[in-house]
Protein backbone atom coordinates (compact mmCIF):
# COMPACT_ATOMS: atom_id res chain seq x y z
CA MET A 1 -0.11 -0.05 -0.05
CA SER A 2 1.31 3.54 -0.94
CA PHE A 3 -0.04 6.99 -1.39
CA ASN A 4 0.63 10.44 -0.70
CA VAL A 5 -1.31 12.91 1.58
CA ASN A 6 -0.63 16.43 2.46
CA GLN A 7 3.14 16.11 1.63
CA LEU A 8 3.36 12.83 3.66
CA GLU A 9 4.55 10.06 1.37
CA TYR A 10 3.66 6.62 2.79
CA LEU A 11 4.28 3.01 1.82
CA SER A 12 3.53 -0.15 3.76
CA LEU A 13 4.55 -3.95 2.75
CA LYS A 14 3.36 -6.85 4.31
CA PRO A 15 6.15 -9.74 5.05
CA SER A 16 6.01 -13.22 3.80
CA ASN A 17 5.65 -16.32 5.81
CA PRO A 18 6.89 -17.39 8.38
CA LEU A 19 7.26 -13.77 9.56
CA THR A 20 3.45 -12.93 9.57
CA ASP A 21 3.29 -14.24 12.91
CA VAL A 22 5.87 -11.90 14.27
CA VAL A 23 5.64 -8.81 11.95
CA GLU A 24 2.54 -6.96 10.92
CA SER A 25 4.03 -4.77 8.43
CA ILE A 26 7.25 -2.73 7.40
CA TRP A 27 6.73 0.85 6.23
CA MET A 28 8.06 4.13 5.83
CA VAL A 29 6.74 7.78 6.08
CA LYS A 30 8.57 10.60 4.47
CA ASN A 31 7.43 14.22 5.54
CA HIS A 32 8.30 16.74 2.62
CA ALA A 33 6.84 19.61 4.44
CA ASP A 34 8.59 22.46 6.08
CA GLU A 35 6.15 23.24 8.39
CA LYS A 36 6.72 22.48 12.17
CA ARG A 37 3.49 21.02 13.97
CA GLU A 38 3.00 18.10 16.41
CA GLY A 39 1.45 14.79 15.61
CA ILE A 40 -0.52 12.51 17.71
CA ILE A 41 0.01 8.70 17.84
CA VAL A 42 -2.75 6.47 19.05
CA PRO A 43 -2.49 3.01 20.44
CA ASP A 44 -2.50 0.12 17.79
CA GLY A 45 -1.35 -2.78 20.12
CA LYS A 46 2.15 -3.08 18.11
CA ILE A 47 5.83 -2.89 19.08
CA ASP A 48 7.54 -0.61 16.56
CA LEU A 49 11.10 -0.46 15.57
CA PHE A 50 12.23 2.81 13.87
CA LEU A 51 15.05 4.24 11.71
CA PHE A 52 14.78 8.02 11.55
CA GLU A 53 16.60 10.96 10.06
CA GLY A 54 15.68 14.41 10.83
CA GLU A 55 15.98 17.78 9.04
CA ASP A 56 19.41 18.22 10.74
CA GLU A 57 20.59 14.90 9.43
CA HIS A 58 20.48 13.34 12.81
CA PHE A 59 19.95 9.82 12.75
CA GLU A 60 18.52 7.64 15.57
CA VAL A 61 17.24 3.83 16.03
CA PHE A 62 14.82 3.65 18.72
CA ILE A 63 11.90 1.26 19.87
CA SER A 64 8.65 1.71 21.44
CA GLY A 65 6.54 -0.54 23.59
CA ILE A 66 2.69 -0.89 23.68
CA CYS A 67 0.78 2.42 23.94
CA THR A 68 -1.99 2.59 26.06
CA GLY A 69 -2.89 6.41 25.43
CA PRO A 70 -2.33 9.19 22.87
CA VAL A 71 1.54 9.87 22.32
CA VAL A 72 2.19 13.53 21.24
CA LYS A 73 5.10 13.40 18.77
CA PRO A 74 7.49 16.45 18.27
CA PRO A 75 7.41 17.92 14.85
CA PHE A 76 9.76 16.50 12.36
CA PRO A 77 9.72 18.68 9.04
CA LYS A 78 11.68 17.05 5.97
CA SER A 79 12.19 13.70 7.91
CA THR A 80 12.40 10.10 6.97
CA MET A 81 11.22 7.33 8.98
CA PHE A 82 11.54 3.64 8.14
CA ALA A 83 9.75 1.33 10.68
CA ILE A 84 8.83 -2.37 11.42
CA SER A 85 5.61 -3.02 13.28
CA PHE A 86 5.94 -6.19 15.34
CA HIS A 87 2.98 -8.34 16.73
CA PRO A 88 3.51 -8.48 20.57
CA ILE A 89 4.78 -12.10 20.37
CA ALA A 90 7.99 -10.56 19.01
CA ALA A 91 9.09 -9.67 22.38
CA GLU A 92 9.41 -13.32 23.18
CA TYR A 93 10.59 -14.81 20.04
CA ILE A 94 12.48 -11.93 18.23
CA PHE A 95 13.63 -9.55 21.07
CA LYS A 96 13.91 -12.17 23.70
CA LYS A 97 13.15 -9.52 26.48
CA SER A 98 10.09 -8.10 28.10
CA PHE A 99 8.82 -4.80 27.03
CA ALA A 100 6.92 -4.32 30.27
CA ASP A 101 9.16 -1.49 31.35
CA LEU A 102 8.72 0.12 27.95
CA LYS A 103 4.95 0.51 28.03
CA ASP A 104 4.08 4.10 26.80
CA THR A 105 7.72 4.91 26.37
CA LYS A 106 10.57 4.13 24.00
CA GLN A 107 14.39 3.07 24.23
CA THR A 108 16.95 4.49 21.89
CA PHE A 109 19.57 1.78 20.42
CA PRO A 110 22.82 2.11 18.94
CA CYS A 111 23.01 3.62 15.50
CA ASP A 112 24.22 0.25 14.24
CA TYR A 113 21.45 -1.90 16.01
CA TRP A 114 20.89 -5.15 13.97
CA GLY A 115 23.49 -3.98 11.25
CA PHE A 116 21.03 -1.20 10.32
CA GLY A 117 22.71 2.27 9.68
CA LYS A 118 21.86 5.77 7.95
CA ASN A 119 22.63 4.38 4.48
CA ASP A 120 19.47 1.93 4.94
CA LEU A 121 17.15 4.97 4.53
CA GLU A 122 18.33 5.58 0.87
CA SER A 123 16.16 2.75 -0.40
CA PHE A 124 12.92 1.29 1.12
CA GLU A 125 12.97 -1.91 -0.93
CA GLN A 126 16.51 -2.80 0.02
CA PHE A 127 15.43 -1.88 3.86
CA TYR A 128 12.48 -4.23 3.56
CA ARG A 129 14.66 -7.16 2.26
CA LYS A 130 17.35 -6.48 4.90
CA ALA A 131 14.67 -6.34 7.52
CA CYS A 132 13.12 -9.77 6.45
CA GLU A 133 16.47 -11.29 6.38
CA ILE A 134 17.43 -9.78 10.05
CA ILE A 135 14.25 -10.88 11.50
CA ASN A 136 14.31 -14.42 10.06
CA VAL A 137 17.71 -15.01 11.79
CA GLN A 138 16.41 -13.78 14.99
CA LEU A 139 13.39 -16.21 14.89
CA GLU A 140 15.30 -19.05 16.24
CA LYS A 141 12.56 -21.20 17.49
CA GLU A 142 9.11 -22.39 16.33
CA ILE A 143 6.28 -20.30 18.11
CA ASP A 144 4.12 -21.98 20.74
CA GLY A 145 0.83 -23.14 19.28
CA HIS A 146 -1.21 -21.89 22.16
CA LYS A 147 0.45 -18.41 21.70
CA LYS A 148 0.16 -18.29 18.03
CA LYS A 149 -3.61 -19.21 18.28
CA LEU A 150 -4.06 -16.70 21.02
CA PHE A 151 -3.03 -13.84 18.87
CA GLU A 152 -4.66 -15.21 15.72
CA LEU A 153 -7.98 -15.08 17.65
CA ILE A 154 -7.47 -11.67 19.09
CA TYR A 155 -6.92 -10.13 15.70
CA SER A 156 -9.45 -12.01 13.77
CA SER A 157 -12.08 -11.01 16.41
CA LYS A 158 -11.07 -7.23 16.15
CA GLY A 159 -10.76 -7.32 20.07
CA GLU A 160 -14.43 -8.26 20.34
CA THR A 161 -13.84 -11.49 22.21
CA THR A 162 -13.35 -11.95 26.07
CA VAL A 163 -10.64 -13.42 28.26
CA LYS A 164 -12.85 -16.27 28.88
CA GLU A 165 -13.76 -17.02 25.25
CA LEU A 166 -10.22 -17.12 24.46
CA SER A 167 -9.42 -19.23 27.27
CA GLN A 168 -11.99 -21.70 25.96
CA HIS A 169 -10.49 -21.86 22.51
CA VAL A 170 -6.80 -21.72 23.33
CA SER A 171 -6.87 -24.12 26.27
CA TRP A 172 -4.84 -21.86 28.36
CA SER A 173 -6.31 -20.28 31.58
CA SER A 174 -7.10 -16.82 31.79
CA ARG A 175 -4.41 -16.59 34.73
CA GLN A 176 -1.78 -18.01 32.35
CA MET A 177 -2.62 -15.59 29.51
CA ASN A 178 -2.64 -12.37 31.93
CA ARG A 179 0.60 -13.53 33.47
CA TYR A 180 1.97 -13.76 29.87
CA PHE A 181 0.74 -10.32 28.93
CA ASN A 182 1.85 -8.74 32.02
CA THR A 183 5.15 -10.35 31.97
CA TRP A 184 6.03 -9.38 28.42
CA LEU A 185 4.00 -6.34 27.65
CA GLY A 186 3.25 -4.69 31.00
CA LEU A 187 -0.48 -4.81 30.65
CA SER A 188 -3.51 -7.22 31.17
CA LEU A 189 -4.95 -9.37 28.37
CA LYS A 190 -8.29 -7.26 28.74
CA SER A 191 -6.74 -4.05 28.31
CA TYR A 192 -4.85 -5.46 25.30
CA LEU A 193 -8.23 -6.39 23.76
CA ASN A 194 -9.67 -2.96 24.43
CA ILE A 195 -6.70 -1.33 22.52
CA ILE A 196 -7.27 -3.73 19.50
CA ARG A 197 -11.15 -2.87 19.44
CA PHE A 198 -10.35 0.85 19.47
CA SER A 199 -7.79 0.45 16.70
CA ASN A 200 -10.58 -1.41 14.60
CA SER A 201 -12.74 1.38 15.24
CA LEU A 202 -10.68 4.15 13.60
CA ARG A 203 -11.75 3.41 9.96
CA GLN A 204 -15.28 3.82 11.08
CA LEU A 205 -14.51 7.10 12.88
CA LYS A 206 -12.62 8.51 9.76
CA LYS A 207 -15.84 7.96 7.81
CA GLY A 208 -17.89 9.73 10.35
CA ASP A 209 -19.67 6.86 11.80
CA PHE A 210 -19.98 7.71 15.25
CA TYR A 211 -22.35 4.84 16.47
CA PRO A 212 -19.97 1.89 17.79
CA GLU A 213 -19.97 -1.06 15.06
CA LEU A 214 -18.03 -3.32 17.49
CA ASN A 215 -19.27 -4.67 20.97
CA TYR A 216 -19.14 -1.56 23.08
CA GLY A 217 -22.16 -1.55 25.76
CA ASP A 218 -23.43 1.77 24.27
CA GLN A 219 -22.50 4.81 22.60
CA SER A 220 -21.41 6.54 25.84
CA HIS A 221 -19.24 3.57 26.63
CA PHE A 222 -17.70 3.92 22.94
CA ILE A 223 -17.20 7.59 23.46
CA ARG A 224 -15.38 7.11 26.76
CA GLU A 225 -13.18 4.43 25.20
CA VAL A 226 -12.28 6.74 22.23
CA LYS A 227 -11.24 9.63 24.88
CA LYS A 228 -9.34 7.31 26.77
CA PHE A 229 -7.22 6.15 23.73
CA ALA A 230 -7.25 9.39 21.63
CA GLY A 231 -7.55 12.03 24.21
CA VAL A 232 -10.38 13.46 22.24
CA LYS A 233 -14.13 12.80 21.58
CA PRO A 234 -14.98 10.89 18.25
CA THR A 235 -16.22 14.06 16.41
CA ILE A 236 -12.70 15.88 17.10
CA LEU A 237 -11.07 12.68 16.09
CA ASN A 238 -13.10 12.52 12.70
CA LYS A 239 -12.18 16.04 11.96
CA ASN A 240 -8.55 15.51 12.40
CA GLU A 241 -7.54 19.08 12.11
CA ASN A 242 -4.05 19.93 10.59
CA ASP A 243 -3.77 16.06 10.05
CA ARG A 244 -2.50 15.82 13.77
CA PHE A 245 -3.75 12.30 14.26
CA ILE A 246 -1.13 10.53 12.27
CA GLN A 247 -2.70 7.11 11.73
CA LEU A 248 -5.97 8.73 10.39
CA SER A 249 -3.99 10.80 8.15
CA LEU A 250 -2.19 7.73 6.68
CA MET A 251 -5.14 5.72 6.44
CA PRO A 252 -6.47 5.43 2.72
CA GLY A 253 -9.87 7.41 2.05
CA THR A 254 -12.90 5.57 2.14
């Protein structure tokens, strides 16, 4: 998927098997504008690894954990960002470390992390191939079937399922699943389901549909959840003034 919107150039590619279990997408955003304005990232349930070069040619590599609320990004005029969006299961199988302490924050890595460097920002196609090769090497063992099925059900349900229903389908107790999420990500399974449900509501909000399509109790519950994760009411999110909600700006029009 690729397109340009308001001087933002966006391209996103899906990985091939077997990386689809650990990687949601590999993508880039180039901001060609000179204007300095803040942007807002809303929770989407992913772990993101970034290569970033700013207007002053400053280069850095950093990773962000799961976000549970809106994150204000400083203005990045004339910048390039390449990124890998990982499913949470990558914490255990790719990074082999807990991301509990990175919930709602980020960690900066050395500029040569995983063999990446500033030159990798010259070609997105080459970055995509290199990223896939590196992640393949990092994926050293087969993913546990219970965990794989758990995440498949979470995403296919768009977060509408319950912890109890997941436990019944995965044959993994609610306590075990919550321990897994708290240990590796720093939040409960129910909290993660709420994030996924909210993220799946963004498309309807962009269209201007303000009555919940997913299993919120009622419209007031829906509004509270949107305010919790986006910081604003659904109508403000829909207006997206100055394209400040980055995910909505990058979402193809309907």
